[in-house]
Amino acid sequence: MSKLLRHIGISFVLAAGLVGCAAHSPAPVSSLKKDYSSVERGSYRGSYYEVKKGDTLYFIAYVTDKDVNDLVR
């Protein structure tokens, strides 16, 4: 009898665990894409970028479509 109760208890715990994992609702996602069109920035002509105060390497890499590590070198 004790073995039967233990098996029933284990089955119940496993079933409860599966039911708890069954409901899936995705997390809300906001847009990760930033719009830089309205930001005042330096000018990019050919292979030269004129830096303005406040420009970061990441911003310059975004505007010039380059990798940040390439700009650092």
N, C-alpha and C. Protein backbone atom coordinates (compact mmCIF):
# COMPACT_ATOMS: atom_id res chain seq x y z
N MET A 1 0.83 -1.19 0.00
CA MET A 1 0.00 0.00 0.00
C MET A 1 0.87 1.26 0.00
N SER A 2 1.92 1.23 0.78
CA SER A 2 2.81 2.38 0.88
C SER A 2 3.49 2.67 -0.45
N LYS A 3 3.85 1.60 -1.18
CA LYS A 3 4.48 1.77 -2.48
C LYS A 3 3.50 2.40 -3.47
N LEU A 4 2.26 1.99 -3.39
CA LEU A 4 1.23 2.52 -4.28
C LEU A 4 1.02 4.01 -4.02
N LEU A 5 0.97 4.41 -2.76
CA LEU A 5 0.80 5.82 -2.42
C LEU A 5 1.99 6.65 -2.89
N ARG A 6 3.17 6.08 -2.78
CA ARG A 6 4.36 6.80 -3.23
C ARG A 6 4.33 7.00 -4.75
N HIS A 7 3.94 5.99 -5.48
CA HIS A 7 3.84 6.10 -6.93
C HIS A 7 2.78 7.12 -7.34
N ILE A 8 1.67 7.11 -6.63
CA ILE A 8 0.60 8.08 -6.91
C ILE A 8 1.10 9.49 -6.60
N GLY A 9 1.80 9.66 -5.50
CA GLY A 9 2.34 10.97 -5.13
C GLY A 9 3.35 11.48 -6.15
N ILE A 10 4.24 10.61 -6.58
CA ILE A 10 5.24 11.00 -7.59
C ILE A 10 4.55 11.35 -8.90
N SER A 11 3.55 10.56 -9.28
CA SER A 11 2.80 10.84 -10.51
C SER A 11 2.10 12.19 -10.42
N PHE A 12 1.53 12.48 -9.27
CA PHE A 12 0.84 13.75 -9.08
C PHE A 12 1.82 14.93 -9.20
N VAL A 13 2.98 14.81 -8.58
CA VAL A 13 3.98 15.88 -8.63
C VAL A 13 4.46 16.09 -10.07
N LEU A 14 4.72 15.01 -10.79
CA LEU A 14 5.15 15.12 -12.18
C LEU A 14 4.07 15.75 -13.05
N ALA A 15 2.82 15.32 -12.84
CA ALA A 15 1.71 15.89 -13.62
C ALA A 15 1.55 17.37 -13.32
N ALA A 16 1.66 17.76 -12.06
CA ALA A 16 1.54 19.18 -11.70
C ALA A 16 2.67 19.99 -12.32
N GLY A 17 3.87 19.43 -12.36
CA GLY A 17 5.00 20.12 -12.98
C GLY A 17 4.80 20.31 -14.46
N LEU A 18 4.26 19.30 -15.13
CA LEU A 18 4.01 19.41 -16.57
C LEU A 18 2.91 20.42 -16.86
N VAL A 19 1.88 20.44 -16.05
CA VAL A 19 0.79 21.40 -16.25
C VAL A 19 1.30 22.81 -16.04
N GLY A 20 2.15 23.01 -15.07
CA GLY A 20 2.70 24.34 -14.80
C GLY A 20 3.57 24.85 -15.94
N CYS A 21 4.21 23.96 -16.64
CA CYS A 21 5.07 24.36 -17.76
C CYS A 21 4.33 24.44 -19.08
N ALA A 22 3.10 23.97 -19.12
CA ALA A 22 2.36 23.89 -20.38
C ALA A 22 1.91 25.26 -20.88
N ALA A 23 1.52 26.14 -19.99
CA ALA A 23 1.02 27.45 -20.40
C ALA A 23 2.19 28.33 -20.81
N HIS A 24 2.15 28.80 -22.05
CA HIS A 24 3.25 29.64 -22.54
C HIS A 24 2.67 30.94 -23.07
N SER A 25 3.01 32.01 -22.43
CA SER A 25 2.61 33.32 -22.96
C SER A 25 3.89 34.13 -23.14
N PRO A 26 4.17 34.56 -24.36
CA PRO A 26 5.42 35.28 -24.61
C PRO A 26 5.46 36.63 -23.90
N ALA A 27 6.65 37.02 -23.55
CA ALA A 27 6.84 38.31 -22.88
C ALA A 27 6.58 39.45 -23.86
N PRO A 28 6.07 40.56 -23.37
CA PRO A 28 5.86 41.71 -24.27
C PRO A 28 7.21 42.24 -24.75
N VAL A 29 7.26 42.58 -26.02
CA VAL A 29 8.51 43.04 -26.61
C VAL A 29 8.31 44.43 -27.20
N SER A 30 9.20 45.31 -26.86
CA SER A 30 9.16 46.64 -27.47
C SER A 30 10.19 46.68 -28.58
N SER A 31 10.05 47.62 -29.44
CA SER A 31 10.96 47.72 -30.58
C SER A 31 12.36 48.08 -30.09
N LEU A 32 13.34 47.34 -30.54
CA LEU A 32 14.72 47.61 -30.16
C LEU A 32 15.42 48.50 -31.18
N LYS A 33 14.75 48.75 -32.28
CA LYS A 33 15.34 49.56 -33.33
C LYS A 33 15.15 51.04 -32.98
N LYS A 34 16.23 51.79 -33.01
CA LYS A 34 16.17 53.21 -32.70
C LYS A 34 16.12 54.02 -33.98
N ASP A 35 15.45 55.14 -33.92
CA ASP A 35 15.36 56.03 -35.07
C ASP A 35 16.33 57.18 -34.85
N TYR A 36 17.42 57.17 -35.59
CA TYR A 36 18.43 58.20 -35.45
C TYR A 36 18.26 59.33 -36.46
N SER A 37 17.18 59.30 -37.23
CA SER A 37 17.03 60.29 -38.29
C SER A 37 16.89 61.71 -37.76
N SER A 38 16.34 61.87 -36.56
CA SER A 38 16.12 63.22 -36.03
C SER A 38 17.29 63.72 -35.19
N VAL A 39 18.30 62.90 -34.97
CA VAL A 39 19.43 63.28 -34.14
C VAL A 39 20.41 64.12 -34.95
N GLU A 40 20.81 65.24 -34.35
CA GLU A 40 21.83 66.07 -35.02
C GLU A 40 23.16 65.37 -34.90
N ARG A 41 23.85 65.24 -36.01
CA ARG A 41 25.11 64.50 -35.99
C ARG A 41 26.11 65.11 -36.94
N GLY A 42 27.31 64.59 -36.90
CA GLY A 42 28.35 65.04 -37.81
C GLY A 42 28.03 64.61 -39.23
N SER A 43 28.87 65.01 -40.15
CA SER A 43 28.59 64.67 -41.55
C SER A 43 29.47 63.52 -42.01
N TYR A 44 28.90 62.69 -42.86
CA TYR A 44 29.60 61.53 -43.40
C TYR A 44 29.73 61.69 -44.90
N ARG A 45 30.96 61.82 -45.35
CA ARG A 45 31.23 61.99 -46.79
C ARG A 45 32.23 60.93 -47.22
N GLY A 46 31.79 59.99 -48.03
CA GLY A 46 32.69 58.96 -48.53
C GLY A 46 33.27 58.11 -47.42
N SER A 47 34.55 58.26 -47.18
CA SER A 47 35.19 57.47 -46.12
C SER A 47 35.56 58.34 -44.92
N TYR A 48 35.06 59.57 -44.86
CA TYR A 48 35.36 60.48 -43.75
C TYR A 48 34.09 60.83 -42.99
N TYR A 49 34.23 60.89 -41.68
CA TYR A 49 33.12 61.29 -40.82
C TYR A 49 33.60 62.44 -39.97
N GLU A 50 32.91 63.56 -40.04
CA GLU A 50 33.25 64.72 -39.21
C GLU A 50 32.51 64.58 -37.89
N VAL A 51 33.28 64.44 -36.82
CA VAL A 51 32.71 64.17 -35.51
C VAL A 51 32.19 65.44 -34.88
N LYS A 52 30.98 65.36 -34.30
CA LYS A 52 30.42 66.46 -33.53
C LYS A 52 30.42 66.06 -32.06
N LYS A 53 30.35 67.06 -31.21
CA LYS A 53 30.33 66.81 -29.77
C LYS A 53 29.13 65.92 -29.43
N GLY A 54 29.40 64.88 -28.67
CA GLY A 54 28.34 63.96 -28.26
C GLY A 54 28.27 62.69 -29.09
N ASP A 55 28.96 62.66 -30.24
CA ASP A 55 28.98 61.45 -31.06
C ASP A 55 29.76 60.36 -30.33
N THR A 56 29.24 59.16 -30.35
CA THR A 56 29.93 58.03 -29.75
C THR A 56 30.43 57.11 -30.86
N LEU A 57 31.36 56.24 -30.51
CA LEU A 57 31.85 55.28 -31.50
C LEU A 57 30.72 54.40 -32.02
N TYR A 58 29.81 54.04 -31.13
CA TYR A 58 28.69 53.19 -31.55
C TYR A 58 27.79 53.93 -32.53
N PHE A 59 27.56 55.20 -32.29
CA PHE A 59 26.73 56.00 -33.19
C PHE A 59 27.41 56.15 -34.55
N ILE A 60 28.70 56.46 -34.54
CA ILE A 60 29.44 56.62 -35.80
C ILE A 60 29.46 55.30 -36.57
N ALA A 61 29.63 54.19 -35.86
CA ALA A 61 29.61 52.88 -36.52
C ALA A 61 28.25 52.62 -37.15
N TYR A 62 27.18 53.02 -36.47
CA TYR A 62 25.83 52.84 -37.01
C TYR A 62 25.64 53.67 -38.27
N VAL A 63 26.03 54.93 -38.23
CA VAL A 63 25.82 55.84 -39.36
C VAL A 63 26.65 55.41 -40.56
N THR A 64 27.89 54.99 -40.32
CA THR A 64 28.79 54.65 -41.42
C THR A 64 28.71 53.18 -41.82
N ASP A 65 27.86 52.42 -41.13
CA ASP A 65 27.69 50.99 -41.40
C ASP A 65 29.01 50.24 -41.29
N LYS A 66 29.76 50.56 -40.24
CA LYS A 66 31.05 49.91 -39.96
C LYS A 66 30.96 49.17 -38.63
N ASP A 67 31.91 48.29 -38.39
CA ASP A 67 32.01 47.62 -37.11
C ASP A 67 32.77 48.53 -36.13
N VAL A 68 32.33 48.57 -34.89
CA VAL A 68 32.98 49.43 -33.89
C VAL A 68 34.46 49.07 -33.75
N ASN A 69 34.77 47.79 -33.77
CA ASN A 69 36.17 47.37 -33.63
C ASN A 69 37.03 47.87 -34.78
N ASP A 70 36.46 47.99 -35.98
CA ASP A 70 37.21 48.53 -37.11
C ASP A 70 37.50 50.02 -36.91
N LEU A 71 36.59 50.74 -36.28
CA LEU A 71 36.81 52.16 -36.01
C LEU A 71 37.90 52.37 -34.97
N VAL A 72 37.97 51.48 -34.01
CA VAL A 72 38.95 51.60 -32.94
C VAL A 72 40.36 51.41 -33.48
N ARG A 73 40.51 50.54 -34.46
CA ARG A 73 41.85 50.25 -35.01
C ARG A 73 42.40 51.40 -35.77
